Amino acid sequence: MDFAEFTRSLQLDEAPRPAGLELSPQLLALWQDARGRWDDAHRTVQAHDDAASAQVHAYLHRVEGDLANARYWYTRAGVEPCDAALEEEWQQLVLAHLADTDR
């Protein structure tokens, strides 16, 4: 799945299943967030204790406006806090996680 396919899938009611596979938790959370389902996205990444999920978790707290909590999760992810526009960070995260699925 590429970025264009992922963004087109935002028109669907259900998350896409590329080649019959589930999206990674991080991509699922980003898809849910873009569909206006912040609570679902938060639950999705909160269920995972890895750096990739922590970075998406940080982004979600930026969306929420809870910057202190976002900084905590960026630290857990081992990355610098993002100061890009939310839309840009979302795109960067989606592209990074789509690239991870190609490996």
C-alpha atoms as a PDB file:
ATOM      1  CA  MET A   1       0.000   0.000   0.000  1.00  0.00           C
ATOM      2  CA  ASP A   2       1.317   3.437  -0.852  1.00  0.00           C
ATOM      3  CA  PHE A   3       0.422   6.850   0.553  1.00  0.00           C
ATOM      4  CA  ALA A   4      -2.155   7.588  -2.152  1.00  0.00           C
ATOM      5  CA  GLU A   5      -3.941   4.286  -1.492  1.00  0.00           C
ATOM      6  CA  PHE A   6      -3.836   4.920   2.256  1.00  0.00           C
ATOM      7  CA  THR A   7      -5.358   8.383   1.915  1.00  0.00           C
ATOM      8  CA  ARG A   8      -8.021   7.090  -0.498  1.00  0.00           C
ATOM      9  CA  SER A   9      -8.925   4.474   2.115  1.00  0.00           C
ATOM     10  CA  LEU A  10     -10.015   7.288   4.429  1.00  0.00           C
ATOM     11  CA  GLN A  11     -13.248   7.333   2.408  1.00  0.00           C
ATOM     12  CA  LEU A  12     -14.015   3.773   3.563  1.00  0.00           C
ATOM     13  CA  ASP A  13     -16.051   2.930   6.645  1.00  0.00           C
ATOM     14  CA  GLU A  14     -13.614   0.208   7.672  1.00  0.00           C
ATOM     15  CA  ALA A  15      -9.829   0.239   7.812  1.00  0.00           C
ATOM     16  CA  PRO A  16      -8.209  -1.188   4.692  1.00  0.00           C
ATOM     17  CA  ARG A  17      -6.699  -4.658   4.582  1.00  0.00           C
ATOM     18  CA  PRO A  18      -3.915  -4.493   1.992  1.00  0.00           C
ATOM     19  CA  ALA A  19      -3.363  -7.947   0.498  1.00  0.00           C
ATOM     20  CA  GLY A  20      -5.756  -9.291   3.143  1.00  0.00           C
ATOM     21  CA  LEU A  21      -3.459  -8.253   6.000  1.00  0.00           C
ATOM     22  CA  GLU A  22      -4.288  -6.069   8.981  1.00  0.00           C
ATOM     23  CA  LEU A  23      -2.764  -2.607   9.188  1.00  0.00           C
ATOM     24  CA  SER A  24      -0.042  -2.187  11.789  1.00  0.00           C
ATOM     25  CA  PRO A  25      -1.367  -0.721  15.055  1.00  0.00           C
ATOM     26  CA  GLN A  26       0.379   2.549  14.231  1.00  0.00           C
ATOM     27  CA  LEU A  27      -1.178   2.845  10.762  1.00  0.00           C
ATOM     28  CA  LEU A  28      -4.563   1.814  12.119  1.00  0.00           C
ATOM     29  CA  ALA A  29      -4.360   4.550  14.771  1.00  0.00           C
ATOM     30  CA  LEU A  30      -3.369   7.143  12.166  1.00  0.00           C
ATOM     31  CA  TRP A  31      -6.240   5.990   9.938  1.00  0.00           C
ATOM     32  CA  GLN A  32      -8.671   6.197  12.871  1.00  0.00           C
ATOM     33  CA  ASP A  33      -7.425   9.676  13.774  1.00  0.00           C
ATOM     34  CA  ALA A  34      -7.870  10.924  10.210  1.00  0.00           C
ATOM     35  CA  ARG A  35     -11.422   9.539  10.266  1.00  0.00           C
ATOM     36  CA  GLY A  36     -12.180  11.625  13.380  1.00  0.00           C
ATOM     37  CA  ARG A  37     -11.992   8.683  15.754  1.00  0.00           C
ATOM     38  CA  TRP A  38      -9.368  10.034  18.178  1.00  0.00           C
ATOM     39  CA  ASP A  39     -10.519   7.863  21.096  1.00  0.00           C
ATOM     40  CA  ASP A  40     -10.226   4.695  19.005  1.00  0.00           C
ATOM     41  CA  ALA A  41      -6.792   5.787  17.773  1.00  0.00           C
ATOM     42  CA  HIS A  42      -5.656   6.462  21.325  1.00  0.00           C
ATOM     43  CA  ARG A  43      -6.863   3.056  22.520  1.00  0.00           C
ATOM     44  CA  THR A  44      -5.105   1.372  19.605  1.00  0.00           C
ATOM     45  CA  VAL A  45      -1.643   2.787  20.346  1.00  0.00           C
ATOM     46  CA  GLN A  46      -2.083   2.690  24.106  1.00  0.00           C
ATOM     47  CA  ALA A  47      -2.332  -1.103  23.868  1.00  0.00           C
ATOM     48  CA  HIS A  48       1.244  -1.322  22.540  1.00  0.00           C
ATOM     49  CA  ASP A  49       4.494  -0.650  24.391  1.00  0.00           C
ATOM     50  CA  ASP A  50       6.987   0.035  21.609  1.00  0.00           C
ATOM     51  CA  ALA A  51       8.739   3.143  20.322  1.00  0.00           C
ATOM     52  CA  ALA A  52       6.705   3.338  17.109  1.00  0.00           C
ATOM     53  CA  SER A  53       3.424   3.306  19.032  1.00  0.00           C
ATOM     54  CA  ALA A  54       4.789   5.830  21.531  1.00  0.00           C
ATOM     55  CA  GLN A  55       5.561   8.254  18.698  1.00  0.00           C
ATOM     56  CA  VAL A  56       2.030   7.976  17.302  1.00  0.00           C
ATOM     57  CA  HIS A  57       0.748   8.312  20.878  1.00  0.00           C
ATOM     58  CA  ALA A  58       2.724  11.576  21.165  1.00  0.00           C
ATOM     59  CA  TYR A  59       1.227  12.863  17.924  1.00  0.00           C
ATOM     60  CA  LEU A  60      -2.282  12.076  19.193  1.00  0.00           C
ATOM     61  CA  HIS A  61      -1.685  14.095  22.348  1.00  0.00           C
ATOM     62  CA  ARG A  62      -0.507  17.001  20.170  1.00  0.00           C
ATOM     63  CA  VAL A  63      -3.812  16.727  18.286  1.00  0.00           C
ATOM     64  CA  GLU A  64      -5.605  16.830  21.617  1.00  0.00           C
ATOM     65  CA  GLY A  65      -3.607  19.890  22.666  1.00  0.00           C
ATOM     66  CA  ASP A  66      -1.985  18.127  25.629  1.00  0.00           C
ATOM     67  CA  LEU A  67       1.595  19.146  24.852  1.00  0.00           C
ATOM     68  CA  ALA A  68       3.054  18.036  28.192  1.00  0.00           C
ATOM     69  CA  ASN A  69       1.712  14.524  27.657  1.00  0.00           C
ATOM     70  CA  ALA A  70       2.918  14.629  24.038  1.00  0.00           C
ATOM     71  CA  ARG A  71       6.459  15.484  25.212  1.00  0.00           C
ATOM     72  CA  TYR A  72       6.351  12.514  27.599  1.00  0.00           C
ATOM     73  CA  TRP A  73       5.454  10.156  24.737  1.00  0.00           C
ATOM     74  CA  TYR A  74       8.061  11.636  22.381  1.00  0.00           C
ATOM     75  CA  THR A  75      10.624  10.932  25.110  1.00  0.00           C
ATOM     76  CA  ARG A  76       9.316   7.349  25.450  1.00  0.00           C
ATOM     77  CA  ALA A  77       9.654   7.000  21.679  1.00  0.00           C
ATOM     78  CA  GLY A  78      13.242   8.257  21.814  1.00  0.00           C
ATOM     79  CA  VAL A  79      12.596  11.096  19.356  1.00  0.00           C
ATOM     80  CA  GLU A  80      12.626  14.873  19.546  1.00  0.00           C
ATOM     81  CA  PRO A  81       9.203  16.490  19.947  1.00  0.00           C
ATOM     82  CA  CYS A  82       7.746  17.467  16.594  1.00  0.00           C
ATOM     83  CA  ASP A  83       7.006  21.105  15.897  1.00  0.00           C
ATOM     84  CA  ALA A  84       5.694  20.631  12.357  1.00  0.00           C
ATOM     85  CA  ALA A  85       2.060  21.267  11.519  1.00  0.00           C
ATOM     86  CA  LEU A  86      -0.151  18.396  12.649  1.00  0.00           C
ATOM     87  CA  GLU A  87      -1.035  17.513   9.060  1.00  0.00           C
ATOM     88  CA  GLU A  88       2.655  17.331   8.175  1.00  0.00           C
ATOM     89  CA  GLU A  89       3.476  15.135  11.167  1.00  0.00           C
ATOM     90  CA  TRP A  90       0.559  12.829  10.302  1.00  0.00           C
ATOM     91  CA  GLN A  91       1.858  12.488   6.749  1.00  0.00           C
ATOM     92  CA  GLN A  92       5.426  11.850   7.940  1.00  0.00           C
ATOM     93  CA  LEU A  93       4.233   9.158  10.342  1.00  0.00           C
ATOM     94  CA  VAL A  94       2.058   7.463   7.711  1.00  0.00           C
ATOM     95  CA  LEU A  95       4.905   7.470   5.183  1.00  0.00           C
ATOM     96  CA  ALA A  96       7.353   6.064   7.740  1.00  0.00           C
ATOM     97  CA  HIS A  97       5.009   3.261   8.779  1.00  0.00           C
ATOM     98  CA  LEU A  98       4.069   2.430   5.203  1.00  0.00           C
ATOM     99  CA  ALA A  99       7.802   2.131   4.451  1.00  0.00           C
ATOM    100  CA  ASP A 100       8.156  -0.221   7.437  1.00  0.00           C
ATOM    101  CA  THR A 101       5.496  -2.513   5.981  1.00  0.00           C
ATOM    102  CA  ASP A 102       7.477  -2.782   2.729  1.00  0.00           C
ATOM    103  CA  ARG A 103      10.503  -4.294   4.500  1.00  0.00           C
END
